[in-house]
């Protein structure tokens, strides 16, 4: 039996950088735009060779709720599997390193959908690569092969990075969207 996606239409992902790890908190967005319920907490170790990030119910890390893990060590195009707490597959994503030389590109897929995400603005993408202007925004739009919106991820500069993640397609599980947002941050070294 296939599980129904855990759909959250909009949530925030806040990052906190510490000496040995990047920490992330995902919170639902209330209708008025304020931060709501904590949905998950993750910690990504720096310099991990085979990347795995586990998301927990809260900062105590006593209850794992989902994870993503690299399929291969040191293979830049291998991709990542997103699984629930029991290890059942929820989705898959990968960075397209060839297409990402001038404009970061990711691919995403799950039950009933597949799509590609790119930085929204080509000029900003190029400026980010060739300057040290950390205040530049990061905006990604994921669309299906038919051009239908799947996910939008937007980061505005702040003391701690804060992403707004909008999940347009109800087939996309929140856990996949959160894993993609954390991985984008980590893979783009932000």
Protein backbone atom coordinates (compact mmCIF):
# COMPACT_ATOMS: atom_id res chain seq x y z
CA UNK A 1 0.00 0.00 0.00
CA UNK A 2 1.37 3.42 -0.97
CA UNK A 3 1.23 6.11 1.67
CA UNK A 4 -0.50 9.41 0.98
CA UNK A 5 1.81 12.42 0.73
CA UNK A 6 2.10 14.63 3.78
CA UNK A 7 1.32 17.90 1.99
CA UNK A 8 2.26 21.25 3.55
CA UNK A 9 1.54 24.06 1.06
CA UNK A 10 4.04 26.55 2.53
CA UNK A 11 6.72 26.34 5.18
CA UNK A 12 9.87 28.11 6.31
CA UNK A 13 13.32 26.60 6.64
CA UNK A 14 15.72 28.45 8.94
CA UNK A 15 19.42 27.67 9.04
CA UNK A 16 21.78 28.05 11.97
CA UNK A 17 25.50 27.62 11.26
CA UNK A 18 27.59 26.07 14.04
CA UNK A 19 31.29 25.11 14.00
CA UNK A 20 30.71 21.43 13.16
CA UNK A 21 27.27 21.31 11.57
CA UNK A 22 24.52 23.26 9.85
CA UNK A 23 21.23 23.03 11.73
CA UNK A 24 17.82 23.52 10.12
CA UNK A 25 14.34 24.03 11.52
CA UNK A 26 11.27 23.62 9.29
CA UNK A 27 8.13 25.43 10.46
CA UNK A 28 4.70 25.58 8.89
CA UNK A 29 3.64 28.98 7.58
CA UNK A 30 0.46 30.28 9.20
CA UNK A 31 -2.17 31.87 6.92
CA UNK A 32 -1.02 35.33 8.08
CA UNK A 33 2.60 34.55 7.10
CA UNK A 34 3.88 34.07 10.65
CA UNK A 35 5.87 30.99 11.68
CA UNK A 36 3.70 28.14 12.93
CA UNK A 37 4.23 24.61 14.17
CA UNK A 38 7.72 23.09 14.06
CA UNK A 39 7.58 20.32 11.46
CA UNK A 40 11.13 18.96 11.60
CA UNK A 41 14.67 19.60 12.79
CA UNK A 42 17.80 18.50 10.91
CA UNK A 43 21.53 18.66 11.37
CA UNK A 44 23.96 18.30 8.47
CA UNK A 45 27.54 17.44 9.43
CA UNK A 46 30.19 19.38 7.58
CA UNK A 47 32.58 17.51 5.29
CA UNK A 48 30.57 14.26 5.34
CA UNK A 49 31.76 11.95 2.56
CA UNK A 50 28.55 9.98 2.08
CA UNK A 51 25.92 12.54 2.82
CA UNK A 52 23.03 11.55 5.02
CA UNK A 53 20.77 13.98 6.80
CA UNK A 54 18.16 12.80 9.28
CA UNK A 55 15.20 14.97 10.22
CA UNK A 56 13.75 14.71 13.71
CA UNK A 57 10.49 15.75 15.36
CA UNK A 58 12.40 18.33 17.45
CA UNK A 59 15.87 19.40 18.62
CA UNK A 60 16.08 16.61 21.20
CA UNK A 61 16.61 14.25 18.21
CA UNK A 62 14.71 11.49 20.02
CA UNK A 63 12.30 10.68 17.16
CA UNK A 64 13.48 10.43 13.54
CA UNK A 65 10.75 11.36 11.05
CA UNK A 66 12.50 11.18 7.65
CA UNK A 67 15.93 11.34 5.99
CA UNK A 68 17.80 11.72 2.74
CA UNK A 69 20.93 9.82 1.79
CA UNK A 70 23.35 9.91 -1.12
CA UNK A 71 23.20 6.87 -3.39
CA UNK A 72 26.97 6.79 -3.88
CA UNK A 73 30.13 8.19 -2.35
CA UNK A 74 31.95 10.88 -4.35
CA UNK A 75 29.65 10.63 -7.40
CA UNK A 76 28.42 14.16 -8.01
CA UNK A 77 25.45 13.06 -10.15
CA UNK A 78 24.36 10.01 -8.09
CA UNK A 79 21.48 11.71 -6.32
CA UNK A 80 19.69 11.31 -3.02
CA UNK A 81 16.86 9.09 -1.84
CA UNK A 82 14.30 10.57 0.57
CA UNK A 83 12.78 8.01 2.95
CA UNK A 84 10.31 8.05 5.82
CA UNK A 85 11.26 7.04 9.38
CA UNK A 86 10.84 3.34 8.52
CA UNK A 87 13.03 3.60 5.39
CA UNK A 88 10.18 3.53 2.84
CA UNK A 89 10.92 5.65 -0.27
CA UNK A 90 9.22 9.06 -0.57
CA UNK A 91 11.13 10.59 -3.49
CA UNK A 92 14.46 11.25 -5.15
CA UNK A 93 16.49 14.31 -6.19
CA UNK A 94 19.86 15.10 -7.69
CA UNK A 95 21.92 18.10 -8.69
CA UNK A 96 22.69 18.29 -12.40
CA UNK A 97 26.34 19.34 -12.18
CA UNK A 98 26.78 19.82 -15.92
CA UNK A 99 23.85 22.23 -16.22
CA UNK A 100 24.78 23.87 -12.90
CA UNK A 101 28.00 25.44 -14.10
CA UNK A 102 26.26 28.73 -14.87
CA UNK A 103 22.80 28.17 -13.36
CA UNK A 104 22.22 25.65 -10.58
CA UNK A 105 19.85 22.89 -11.70
CA UNK A 106 18.24 20.06 -9.73
CA UNK A 107 15.94 17.21 -10.72
CA UNK A 108 13.19 15.85 -8.46
CA UNK A 109 10.82 12.91 -8.69
CA UNK A 110 8.28 11.05 -6.61
CA UNK A 111 4.99 9.18 -6.94
CA UNK A 112 3.16 10.73 -9.92
CA UNK A 113 5.53 13.64 -10.60
CA UNK A 114 8.96 14.52 -11.96
CA UNK A 115 10.49 17.89 -12.65
CA UNK A 116 13.46 20.20 -12.85
CA UNK A 117 14.37 23.18 -10.71
CA UNK A 118 16.61 26.06 -11.72
CA UNK A 119 17.67 29.39 -10.30
CA UNK A 120 15.01 31.87 -11.36
CA UNK A 121 17.36 34.61 -12.52
CA UNK A 122 20.30 33.80 -14.85
CA UNK A 123 22.08 37.11 -14.13
CA UNK A 124 21.91 36.60 -10.35
CA UNK A 125 23.12 33.01 -10.81
CA UNK A 126 26.18 34.21 -12.73
CA UNK A 127 26.88 37.02 -10.24
CA UNK A 128 26.74 34.53 -7.35
CA UNK A 129 29.43 32.42 -9.02
CA UNK A 130 31.88 35.16 -9.84
CA UNK A 131 31.50 37.59 -6.91
CA UNK A 132 31.52 37.43 -3.15
CA UNK A 133 28.14 39.15 -2.86
CA UNK A 134 26.46 36.96 -0.21
CA UNK A 135 23.40 39.21 -0.06
CA UNK A 136 22.15 38.05 -3.46
CA UNK A 137 18.82 36.21 -3.23
CA UNK A 138 18.46 32.55 -4.15
CA UNK A 139 15.19 31.74 -5.88
CA UNK A 140 14.44 28.34 -7.42
CA UNK A 141 11.41 27.22 -9.37
CA UNK A 142 10.72 23.53 -9.93
CA UNK A 143 8.38 22.68 -12.79
CA UNK A 144 7.13 19.46 -14.34
CA UNK A 145 8.06 18.47 -17.90
CA UNK A 146 4.70 20.01 -18.90
CA UNK A 147 5.69 23.32 -17.28
CA UNK A 148 3.37 23.01 -14.26
CA UNK A 149 4.76 24.51 -11.01
CA UNK A 150 5.89 21.95 -8.44
CA UNK A 151 7.92 23.80 -5.77
CA UNK A 152 9.35 27.30 -5.29
CA UNK A 153 12.21 27.89 -2.86
CA UNK A 154 13.22 31.46 -2.03
CA UNK A 155 16.00 32.71 0.23
CA UNK A 156 16.47 36.25 1.27
CA UNK A 157 19.63 37.34 3.00
CA UNK A 158 19.47 37.55 6.78
CA UNK A 159 21.82 36.89 9.68
CA UNK A 160 20.64 33.29 9.45
CA UNK A 161 19.40 32.06 6.10
CA UNK A 162 15.64 31.69 5.93
CA UNK A 163 13.95 29.97 3.02
CA UNK A 164 10.29 30.16 2.11
CA UNK A 165 9.23 26.90 0.47
CA UNK A 166 5.96 26.83 -1.46
CA UNK A 167 4.74 23.39 -2.51
CA UNK A 168 2.38 24.02 -5.43
CA UNK A 169 1.65 20.38 -6.27
CA UNK A 170 -0.24 18.39 -3.58
CA UNK A 171 1.41 15.15 -4.75
CA UNK A 172 4.73 16.37 -3.34
CA UNK A 173 5.31 15.24 0.22
CA UNK A 174 6.52 17.94 2.62
CA UNK A 175 9.40 15.64 3.58
CA UNK A 176 10.70 15.60 0.00
CA UNK A 177 10.39 19.38 -0.31
CA UNK A 178 12.22 19.91 3.02
CA UNK A 179 14.99 17.46 2.03
CA UNK A 180 15.47 19.26 -1.30
CA UNK A 181 15.62 22.68 0.41
CA UNK A 182 18.25 21.52 2.94
CA UNK A 183 20.28 19.76 0.25
CA UNK A 184 20.20 22.82 -2.00
CA UNK A 185 21.56 24.91 0.84
CA UNK A 186 24.29 22.38 1.64
CA UNK A 187 25.24 21.65 -1.99
CA UNK A 188 25.40 25.35 -2.81
CA UNK A 189 27.63 25.83 0.26
CA UNK A 190 25.38 28.43 1.87
